[in-house]
Amino acid sequence: MKRKYPLPNGQEVTGEEVEFEVEREGFNVYILADGTKLRVKNVVAQIVRLDAWGPDGTPMYMMNGGPVVSADVPDHLKKGKQ
């Protein structure tokens, strides 16, 4: 079912939610200079195909979701473990 979705520039564009399945959802791993290992991935909750197209003619999509972050922190950085 089509409905209107707000864009960051203040405009509204019609679009339709698209069902999806996750093919692969891996973590990016970052090793910080202090020895901390951060694992980060973005988890998508909703995908909407907008009635708008890019310069090359491909449809524009809007995604709702958020990051999942896990930190493996060395003991010497933890409060009360020094």
PDB file of N, CA and C in Angstrom:
ATOM      1  N   MET A   1       0.849  -1.179   0.000  1.00  0.00           N
ATOM      2  CA  MET A   1       0.000   0.000   0.000  1.00  0.00           C
ATOM      3  C   MET A   1       0.894   1.242   0.000  1.00  0.00           C
ATOM      4  N   LYS A   2       0.615   2.158  -0.879  1.00  0.00           N
ATOM      5  CA  LYS A   2       1.422   3.373  -0.985  1.00  0.00           C
ATOM      6  C   LYS A   2       1.003   4.380   0.070  1.00  0.00           C
ATOM      7  N   ARG A   3       2.008   5.103   0.560  1.00  0.00           N
ATOM      8  CA  ARG A   3       1.756   6.192   1.497  1.00  0.00           C
ATOM      9  C   ARG A   3       2.852   7.228   1.320  1.00  0.00           C
ATOM     10  N   LYS A   4       2.750   8.344   2.003  1.00  0.00           N
ATOM     11  CA  LYS A   4       3.754   9.412   1.893  1.00  0.00           C
ATOM     12  C   LYS A   4       4.821   9.232   2.963  1.00  0.00           C
ATOM     13  N   TYR A   5       6.067   9.490   2.561  1.00  0.00           N
ATOM     14  CA  TYR A   5       7.213   9.390   3.466  1.00  0.00           C
ATOM     15  C   TYR A   5       7.973  10.707   3.439  1.00  0.00           C
ATOM     16  N   PRO A   6       8.337  11.228   4.606  1.00  0.00           N
ATOM     17  CA  PRO A   6       9.082  12.489   4.642  1.00  0.00           C
ATOM     18  C   PRO A   6      10.563  12.268   4.293  1.00  0.00           C
ATOM     19  N   LEU A   7      11.122  13.197   3.538  1.00  0.00           N
ATOM     20  CA  LEU A   7      12.544  13.186   3.209  1.00  0.00           C
ATOM     21  C   LEU A   7      13.272  14.199   4.085  1.00  0.00           C
ATOM     22  N   PRO A   8      14.582  14.047   4.244  1.00  0.00           N
ATOM     23  CA  PRO A   8      15.341  15.000   5.079  1.00  0.00           C
ATOM     24  C   PRO A   8      15.243  16.453   4.610  1.00  0.00           C
ATOM     25  N   ASN A   9      14.992  16.663   3.313  1.00  0.00           N
ATOM     26  CA  ASN A   9      14.920  18.040   2.801  1.00  0.00           C
ATOM     27  C   ASN A   9      13.554  18.683   3.019  1.00  0.00           C
ATOM     28  N   GLY A  10      12.641  17.983   3.723  1.00  0.00           N
ATOM     29  CA  GLY A  10      11.332  18.537   4.029  1.00  0.00           C
ATOM     30  C   GLY A  10      10.247  18.134   3.043  1.00  0.00           C
ATOM     31  N   GLN A  11      10.622  17.581   1.908  1.00  0.00           N
ATOM     32  CA  GLN A  11       9.626  17.129   0.937  1.00  0.00           C
ATOM     33  C   GLN A  11       9.015  15.811   1.384  1.00  0.00           C
ATOM     34  N   GLU A  12       7.886  15.473   0.802  1.00  0.00           N
ATOM     35  CA  GLU A  12       7.266  14.172   1.009  1.00  0.00           C
ATOM     36  C   GLU A  12       7.193  13.456  -0.327  1.00  0.00           C
ATOM     37  N   VAL A  13       7.464  12.153  -0.315  1.00  0.00           N
ATOM     38  CA  VAL A  13       7.425  11.347  -1.528  1.00  0.00           C
ATOM     39  C   VAL A  13       6.593  10.113  -1.236  1.00  0.00           C
ATOM     40  N   THR A  14       5.768   9.708  -2.187  1.00  0.00           N
ATOM     41  CA  THR A  14       5.022   8.473  -1.990  1.00  0.00           C
ATOM     42  C   THR A  14       5.961   7.286  -2.192  1.00  0.00           C
ATOM     43  N   GLY A  15       5.626   6.204  -1.550  1.00  0.00           N
ATOM     44  CA  GLY A  15       6.422   4.998  -1.660  1.00  0.00           C
ATOM     45  C   GLY A  15       5.654   3.820  -1.098  1.00  0.00           C
ATOM     46  N   GLU A  16       6.285   2.655  -1.219  1.00  0.00           N
ATOM     47  CA  GLU A  16       5.632   1.425  -0.779  1.00  0.00           C
ATOM     48  C   GLU A  16       6.652   0.541  -0.081  1.00  0.00           C
ATOM     49  N   GLU A  17       6.264   0.007   1.077  1.00  0.00           N
ATOM     50  CA  GLU A  17       7.141  -0.900   1.809  1.00  0.00           C
ATOM     51  C   GLU A  17       7.363  -2.162   0.984  1.00  0.00           C
ATOM     52  N   VAL A  18       8.603  -2.628   0.971  1.00  0.00           N
ATOM     53  CA  VAL A  18       8.986  -3.813   0.207  1.00  0.00           C
ATOM     54  C   VAL A  18       9.418  -4.896   1.193  1.00  0.00           C
ATOM     55  N   GLU A  19       8.838  -6.078   1.063  1.00  0.00           N
ATOM     56  CA  GLU A  19       9.270  -7.197   1.891  1.00  0.00           C
ATOM     57  C   GLU A  19      10.673  -7.611   1.471  1.00  0.00           C
ATOM     58  N   PHE A  20      11.443  -8.130   2.427  1.00  0.00           N
ATOM     59  CA  PHE A  20      12.811  -8.540   2.115  1.00  0.00           C
ATOM     60  C   PHE A  20      13.220  -9.696   3.015  1.00  0.00           C
ATOM     61  N   GLU A  21      14.259 -10.385   2.601  1.00  0.00           N
ATOM     62  CA  GLU A  21      14.881 -11.400   3.439  1.00  0.00           C
ATOM     63  C   GLU A  21      16.363 -11.073   3.535  1.00  0.00           C
ATOM     64  N   VAL A  22      16.950 -11.408   4.644  1.00  0.00           N
ATOM     65  CA  VAL A  22      18.361 -11.114   4.877  1.00  0.00           C
ATOM     66  C   VAL A  22      19.202 -12.209   4.219  1.00  0.00           C
ATOM     67  N   GLU A  23      20.080 -11.806   3.302  1.00  0.00           N
ATOM     68  CA  GLU A  23      20.990 -12.767   2.683  1.00  0.00           C
ATOM     69  C   GLU A  23      22.235 -12.949   3.539  1.00  0.00           C
ATOM     70  N   ARG A  24      22.766 -11.832   4.030  1.00  0.00           N
ATOM     71  CA  ARG A  24      23.958 -11.879   4.874  1.00  0.00           C
ATOM     72  C   ARG A  24      23.949 -10.618   5.733  1.00  0.00           C
ATOM     73  N   GLU A  25      24.273 -10.778   6.993  1.00  0.00           N
ATOM     74  CA  GLU A  25      24.259  -9.638   7.911  1.00  0.00           C
ATOM     75  C   GLU A  25      25.450  -9.794   8.847  1.00  0.00           C
ATOM     76  N   GLY A  26      26.601  -9.379   8.376  1.00  0.00           N
ATOM     77  CA  GLY A  26      27.821  -9.570   9.151  1.00  0.00           C
ATOM     78  C   GLY A  26      28.253  -8.318   9.887  1.00  0.00           C
ATOM     79  N   PHE A  27      29.192  -8.523  10.788  1.00  0.00           N
ATOM     80  CA  PHE A  27      29.775  -7.424  11.552  1.00  0.00           C
ATOM     81  C   PHE A  27      31.015  -6.885  10.852  1.00  0.00           C
ATOM     82  N   ASN A  28      31.234  -5.573  10.947  1.00  0.00           N
ATOM     83  CA  ASN A  28      32.524  -4.968  10.651  1.00  0.00           C
ATOM     84  C   ASN A  28      33.266  -4.941  11.974  1.00  0.00           C
ATOM     85  N   VAL A  29      34.544  -5.282  11.957  1.00  0.00           N
ATOM     86  CA  VAL A  29      35.326  -5.341  13.187  1.00  0.00           C
ATOM     87  C   VAL A  29      36.422  -4.290  13.121  1.00  0.00           C
ATOM     88  N   TYR A  30      36.526  -3.489  14.178  1.00  0.00           N
ATOM     89  CA  TYR A  30      37.511  -2.414  14.260  1.00  0.00           C
ATOM     90  C   TYR A  30      38.361  -2.632  15.506  1.00  0.00           C
ATOM     91  N   ILE A  31      39.669  -2.625  15.343  1.00  0.00           N
ATOM     92  CA  ILE A  31      40.597  -2.728  16.469  1.00  0.00           C
ATOM     93  C   ILE A  31      41.099  -1.319  16.762  1.00  0.00           C
ATOM     94  N   LEU A  32      40.789  -0.823  17.945  1.00  0.00           N
ATOM     95  CA  LEU A  32      41.179   0.533  18.326  1.00  0.00           C
ATOM     96  C   LEU A  32      42.589   0.541  18.894  1.00  0.00           C
ATOM     97  N   ALA A  33      43.212   1.707  18.889  1.00  0.00           N
ATOM     98  CA  ALA A  33      44.579   1.853  19.376  1.00  0.00           C
ATOM     99  C   ALA A  33      44.719   1.457  20.845  1.00  0.00           C
ATOM    100  N   ASP A  34      43.633   1.545  21.621  1.00  0.00           N
ATOM    101  CA  ASP A  34      43.703   1.193  23.046  1.00  0.00           C
ATOM    102  C   ASP A  34      43.474  -0.299  23.296  1.00  0.00           C
ATOM    103  N   GLY A  35      43.334  -1.088  22.210  1.00  0.00           N
ATOM    104  CA  GLY A  35      43.146  -2.522  22.348  1.00  0.00           C
ATOM    105  C   GLY A  35      41.696  -2.975  22.343  1.00  0.00           C
ATOM    106  N   THR A  36      40.774  -2.034  22.292  1.00  0.00           N
ATOM    107  CA  THR A  36      39.356  -2.373  22.238  1.00  0.00           C
ATOM    108  C   THR A  36      39.006  -2.923  20.862  1.00  0.00           C
ATOM    109  N   LYS A  37      38.172  -3.956  20.844  1.00  0.00           N
ATOM    110  CA  LYS A  37      37.670  -4.492  19.583  1.00  0.00           C
ATOM    111  C   LYS A  37      36.182  -4.156  19.492  1.00  0.00           C
ATOM    112  N   LEU A  38      35.827  -3.337  18.494  1.00  0.00           N
ATOM    113  CA  LEU A  38      34.435  -2.965  18.266  1.00  0.00           C
ATOM    114  C   LEU A  38      33.876  -3.782  17.114  1.00  0.00           C
ATOM    115  N   ARG A  39      32.708  -4.354  17.336  1.00  0.00           N
ATOM    116  CA  ARG A  39      31.991  -5.078  16.281  1.00  0.00           C
ATOM    117  C   ARG A  39      30.716  -4.288  16.011  1.00  0.00           C
ATOM    118  N   VAL A  40      30.515  -3.903  14.746  1.00  0.00           N
ATOM    119  CA  VAL A  40      29.396  -3.039  14.390  1.00  0.00           C
ATOM    120  C   VAL A  40      28.684  -3.605  13.155  1.00  0.00           C
ATOM    121  N   LYS A  41      27.351  -3.626  13.210  1.00  0.00           N
ATOM    122  CA  LYS A  41      26.571  -3.954  12.018  1.00  0.00           C
ATOM    123  C   LYS A  41      25.292  -3.142  12.029  1.00  0.00           C
ATOM    124  N   ASN A  42      24.761  -2.912  10.848  1.00  0.00           N
ATOM    125  CA  ASN A  42      23.507  -2.197  10.711  1.00  0.00           C
ATOM    126  C   ASN A  42      22.404  -3.228  10.501  1.00  0.00           C
ATOM    127  N   VAL A  43      21.345  -3.150  11.279  1.00  0.00           N
ATOM    128  CA  VAL A  43      20.217  -4.064  11.163  1.00  0.00           C
ATOM    129  C   VAL A  43      19.043  -3.290  10.567  1.00  0.00           C
ATOM    130  N   VAL A  44      18.566  -3.753   9.422  1.00  0.00           N
ATOM    131  CA  VAL A  44      17.474  -3.092   8.715  1.00  0.00           C
ATOM    132  C   VAL A  44      16.138  -3.652   9.185  1.00  0.00           C
ATOM    133  N   ALA A  45      15.209  -2.768   9.511  1.00  0.00           N
ATOM    134  CA  ALA A  45      13.884  -3.182   9.968  1.00  0.00           C
ATOM    135  C   ALA A  45      12.822  -2.992   8.887  1.00  0.00           C
ATOM    136  N   GLN A  46      13.032  -2.021   7.991  1.00  0.00           N
ATOM    137  CA  GLN A  46      12.028  -1.705   6.972  1.00  0.00           C
ATOM    138  C   GLN A  46      12.725  -1.144   5.739  1.00  0.00           C
ATOM    139  N   ILE A  47      12.235  -1.525   4.562  1.00  0.00           N
ATOM    140  CA  ILE A  47      12.722  -0.961   3.303  1.00  0.00           C
ATOM    141  C   ILE A  47      11.525  -0.444   2.530  1.00  0.00           C
ATOM    142  N   VAL A  48      11.647   0.786   2.041  1.00  0.00           N
ATOM    143  CA  VAL A  48      10.578   1.417   1.265  1.00  0.00           C
ATOM    144  C   VAL A  48      11.146   1.819  -0.092  1.00  0.00           C
ATOM    145  N   ARG A  49      10.477   1.398  -1.166  1.00  0.00           N
ATOM    146  CA  ARG A  49      10.845   1.859  -2.510  1.00  0.00           C
ATOM    147  C   ARG A  49      10.032   3.115  -2.782  1.00  0.00           C
ATOM    148  N   LEU A  50      10.741   4.218  -2.979  1.00  0.00           N
ATOM    149  CA  LEU A  50      10.090   5.508  -3.181  1.00  0.00           C
ATOM    150  C   LEU A  50       9.710   5.707  -4.641  1.00  0.00           C
ATOM    151  N   ASP A  51       8.721   6.536  -4.876  1.00  0.00           N
ATOM    152  CA  ASP A  51       8.362   6.932  -6.235  1.00  0.00           C
ATOM    153  C   ASP A  51       9.271   8.086  -6.654  1.00  0.00           C
ATOM    154  N   ALA A  52      10.564   7.807  -6.635  1.00  0.00           N
ATOM    155  CA  ALA A  52      11.597   8.771  -7.020  1.00  0.00           C
ATOM    156  C   ALA A  52      12.750   7.966  -7.619  1.00  0.00           C
ATOM    157  N   TRP A  53      13.457   8.571  -8.561  1.00  0.00           N
ATOM    158  CA  TRP A  53      14.510   7.860  -9.267  1.00  0.00           C
ATOM    159  C   TRP A  53      15.779   8.687  -9.314  1.00  0.00           C
ATOM    160  N   GLY A  54      16.898   8.011  -9.284  1.00  0.00           N
ATOM    161  CA  GLY A  54      18.193   8.670  -9.383  1.00  0.00           C
ATOM    162  C   GLY A  54      18.489   9.068 -10.820  1.00  0.00           C
ATOM    163  N   PRO A  55      19.599   9.776 -11.042  1.00  0.00           N
ATOM    164  CA  PRO A  55      19.958  10.243 -12.383  1.00  0.00           C
ATOM    165  C   PRO A  55      20.119   9.108 -13.397  1.00  0.00           C
ATOM    166  N   ASP A  56      20.474   7.915 -12.914  1.00  0.00           N
ATOM    167  CA  ASP A  56      20.658   6.784 -13.834  1.00  0.00           C
ATOM    168  C   ASP A  56      19.378   5.981 -14.034  1.00  0.00           C
ATOM    169  N   GLY A  57      18.250   6.448 -13.453  1.00  0.00           N
ATOM    170  CA  GLY A  57      16.965   5.794 -13.637  1.00  0.00           C
ATOM    171  C   GLY A  57      16.635   4.717 -12.615  1.00  0.00           C
ATOM    172  N   THR A  58      17.525   4.475 -11.660  1.00  0.00           N
ATOM    173  CA  THR A  58      17.239   3.458 -10.655  1.00  0.00           C
ATOM    174  C   THR A  58      16.339   4.042  -9.562  1.00  0.00           C
ATOM    175  N   PRO A  59      15.423   3.219  -9.031  1.00  0.00           N
ATOM    176  CA  PRO A  59      14.537   3.726  -7.975  1.00  0.00           C
ATOM    177  C   PRO A  59      15.315   4.018  -6.694  1.00  0.00           C
ATOM    178  N   MET A  60      14.800   4.959  -5.938  1.00  0.00           N
ATOM    179  CA  MET A  60      15.415   5.304  -4.659  1.00  0.00           C
ATOM    180  C   MET A  60      14.728   4.506  -3.556  1.00  0.00           C
ATOM    181  N   TYR A  61      15.506   4.116  -2.558  1.00  0.00           N
ATOM    182  CA  TYR A  61      15.004   3.343  -1.433  1.00  0.00           C
ATOM    183  C   TYR A  61      15.279   4.085  -0.138  1.00  0.00           C
ATOM    184  N   MET A  62      14.407   3.899   0.827  1.00  0.00           N
ATOM    185  CA  MET A  62      14.599   4.434   2.165  1.00  0.00           C
ATOM    186  C   MET A  62      14.609   3.239   3.110  1.00  0.00           C
ATOM    187  N   MET A  63      15.542   3.229   4.028  1.00  0.00           N
ATOM    188  CA  MET A  63      15.644   2.129   4.979  1.00  0.00           C
ATOM    189  C   MET A  63      15.547   2.651   6.396  1.00  0.00           C
ATOM    190  N   ASN A  64      14.861   1.904   7.234  1.00  0.00           N
ATOM    191  CA  ASN A  64      14.795   2.201   8.663  1.00  0.00           C
ATOM    192  C   ASN A  64      15.455   1.051   9.403  1.00  0.00           C
ATOM    193  N   GLY A  65      16.244   1.378  10.367  1.00  0.00           N
ATOM    194  CA  GLY A  65      16.938   0.374  11.159  1.00  0.00           C
ATOM    195  C   GLY A  65      17.882   1.079  12.108  1.00  0.00           C
ATOM    196  N   GLY A  66      18.884   0.365  12.530  1.00  0.00           N
ATOM    197  CA  GLY A  66      19.838   0.971  13.446  1.00  0.00           C
ATOM    198  C   GLY A  66      21.056   0.096  13.652  1.00  0.00           C
ATOM    199  N   PRO A  67      22.088   0.680  14.232  1.00  0.00           N
ATOM    200  CA  PRO A  67      23.327  -0.057  14.451  1.00  0.00           C
ATOM    201  C   PRO A  67      23.249  -0.966  15.673  1.00  0.00           C
ATOM    202  N   VAL A  68      23.957  -2.065  15.591  1.00  0.00           N
ATOM    203  CA  VAL A  68      24.185  -2.944  16.730  1.00  0.00           C
ATOM    204  C   VAL A  68      25.683  -2.897  16.984  1.00  0.00           C
ATOM    205  N   VAL A  69      26.082  -2.568  18.205  1.00  0.00           N
ATOM    206  CA  VAL A  69      27.495  -2.409  18.535  1.00  0.00           C
ATOM    207  C   VAL A  69      27.845  -3.303  19.717  1.00  0.00           C
ATOM    208  N   SER A  70      28.954  -4.002  19.579  1.00  0.00           N
ATOM    209  CA  SER A  70      29.472  -4.838  20.658  1.00  0.00           C
ATOM    210  C   SER A  70      30.929  -4.441  20.876  1.00  0.00           C
ATOM    211  N   ALA A  71      31.329  -4.284  22.126  1.00  0.00           N
ATOM    212  CA  ALA A  71      32.698  -3.883  22.437  1.00  0.00           C
ATOM    213  C   ALA A  71      33.366  -4.921  23.331  1.00  0.00           C
ATOM    214  N   ASP A  72      34.543  -5.363  22.927  1.00  0.00           N
ATOM    215  CA  ASP A  72      35.385  -6.228  23.752  1.00  0.00           C
ATOM    216  C   ASP A  72      36.516  -5.331  24.256  1.00  0.00           C
ATOM    217  N   VAL A  73      36.391  -4.893  25.505  1.00  0.00           N
ATOM    218  CA  VAL A  73      37.277  -3.873  26.067  1.00  0.00           C
ATOM    219  C   VAL A  73      38.297  -4.522  26.994  1.00  0.00           C
ATOM    220  N   PRO A  74      39.584  -4.160  26.851  1.00  0.00           N
ATOM    221  CA  PRO A  74      40.597  -4.695  27.764  1.00  0.00           C
ATOM    222  C   PRO A  74      40.277  -4.334  29.221  1.00  0.00           C
ATOM    223  N   ASP A  75      40.621  -5.224  30.129  1.00  0.00           N
ATOM    224  CA  ASP A  75      40.315  -5.016  31.552  1.00  0.00           C
ATOM    225  C   ASP A  75      40.854  -3.701  32.093  1.00  0.00           C
ATOM    226  N   HIS A  76      42.047  -3.279  31.632  1.00  0.00           N
ATOM    227  CA  HIS A  76      42.649  -2.068  32.214  1.00  0.00           C
ATOM    228  C   HIS A  76      41.851  -0.806  31.866  1.00  0.00           C
ATOM    229  N   LEU A  77      40.920  -0.868  30.908  1.00  0.00           N
ATOM    230  CA  LEU A  77      40.082   0.280  30.578  1.00  0.00           C
ATOM    231  C   LEU A  77      38.753   0.275  31.315  1.00  0.00           C
ATOM    232  N   LYS A  78      38.413  -0.827  31.953  1.00  0.00           N
ATOM    233  CA  LYS A  78      37.137  -0.935  32.645  1.00  0.00           C
ATOM    234  C   LYS A  78      37.208  -0.278  34.011  1.00  0.00           C
ATOM    235  N   LYS A  79      36.177   0.437  34.335  1.00  0.00           N
ATOM    236  CA  LYS A  79      36.116   1.121  35.618  1.00  0.00           C
ATOM    237  C   LYS A  79      36.061   0.083  36.732  1.00  0.00           C
ATOM    238  N   GLY A  80      36.916   0.246  37.735  1.00  0.00           N
ATOM    239  CA  GLY A  80      36.955  -0.659  38.868  1.00  0.00           C
ATOM    240  C   GLY A  80      37.821  -1.903  38.629  1.00  0.00           C
ATOM    241  N   LYS A  81      38.472  -2.002  37.473  1.00  0.00           N
ATOM    242  CA  LYS A  81      39.306  -3.157  37.156  1.00  0.00           C
ATOM    243  C   LYS A  81      40.790  -2.770  37.068  1.00  0.00           C
ATOM    244  N   GLN A  82      41.116  -1.567  37.488  1.00  0.00           N
ATOM    245  CA  GLN A  82      42.499  -1.085  37.325  1.00  0.00           C
ATOM    246  C   GLN A  82      43.371  -1.481  38.483  1.00  0.00           C
TER     247      GLN A  82
END
